[in-house]
């Protein structure tokens, strides 16, 4: 089971841009907000594990 860590960089309507924080990367991942915890704000830290995003 792999785990990835992300930071919410920006929120734009129904989508959020996430940046990986567990590796060196400037790439952003566009994710539908329906897949993310409802309480996220810009700067929130998330853990992705077993196809689920969780607040850290």
Protein backbone atom coordinates (compact mmCIF):
# COMPACT_ATOMS: atom_id res chain seq x y z
CA UNK A 1 0.00 0.00 0.00
CA UNK A 2 1.49 3.31 -1.09
CA UNK A 3 0.82 6.68 0.51
CA UNK A 4 1.25 10.09 -1.13
CA UNK A 5 1.15 13.50 0.54
CA UNK A 6 -0.25 16.64 -1.07
CA UNK A 7 -0.80 20.32 -0.34
CA UNK A 8 -3.85 22.15 -1.70
CA UNK A 9 -2.35 24.93 -3.84
CA UNK A 10 -5.56 26.45 -5.14
CA UNK A 11 -9.29 25.85 -5.32
CA UNK A 12 -11.20 26.76 -8.47
CA UNK A 13 -14.90 25.96 -8.32
CA UNK A 14 -15.41 22.19 -8.34
CA UNK A 15 -11.69 21.41 -8.64
CA UNK A 16 -8.54 21.78 -6.56
CA UNK A 17 -4.90 21.85 -7.63
CA UNK A 18 -2.69 19.63 -5.48
CA UNK A 19 1.11 19.51 -5.27
CA UNK A 20 2.96 16.46 -3.97
CA UNK A 21 4.98 17.20 -0.86
CA UNK A 22 6.60 13.81 -0.27
CA UNK A 23 8.79 14.16 -3.38
CA UNK A 24 10.44 17.08 -5.17
CA UNK A 25 7.86 18.15 -7.75
CA UNK A 26 6.41 21.35 -9.18
CA UNK A 27 3.68 19.48 -11.08
CA UNK A 28 0.08 20.10 -10.06
CA UNK A 29 -2.66 17.49 -10.02
CA UNK A 30 -6.21 18.64 -10.79
CA UNK A 31 -8.70 16.77 -8.58
CA UNK A 32 -12.48 17.07 -8.37
CA UNK A 33 -13.52 18.50 -4.99
CA UNK A 34 -16.12 15.73 -4.67
CA UNK A 35 -13.17 13.35 -4.07
CA UNK A 36 -11.62 15.57 -1.36
CA UNK A 37 -12.63 16.24 2.25
CA UNK A 38 -15.22 19.06 2.32
CA UNK A 39 -13.27 21.14 4.85
CA UNK A 40 -10.19 21.73 2.66
CA UNK A 41 -8.86 25.24 2.13
CA UNK A 42 -5.81 26.49 0.25
CA UNK A 43 -2.77 25.30 2.19
CA UNK A 44 -4.45 22.18 3.61
CA UNK A 45 -2.32 19.05 3.73
CA UNK A 46 -3.77 15.77 2.51
CA UNK A 47 -2.77 12.14 2.55
CA UNK A 48 -3.80 9.89 -0.35
CA UNK A 49 -4.04 6.25 0.64
CA UNK A 50 -6.18 3.37 -0.61
CA UNK A 51 -7.84 5.61 -3.23
CA UNK A 52 -8.98 8.09 -0.55
CA UNK A 53 -7.87 11.63 0.33
CA UNK A 54 -7.69 12.37 4.07
CA UNK A 55 -6.84 15.55 6.01
CA UNK A 56 -3.52 15.47 7.84
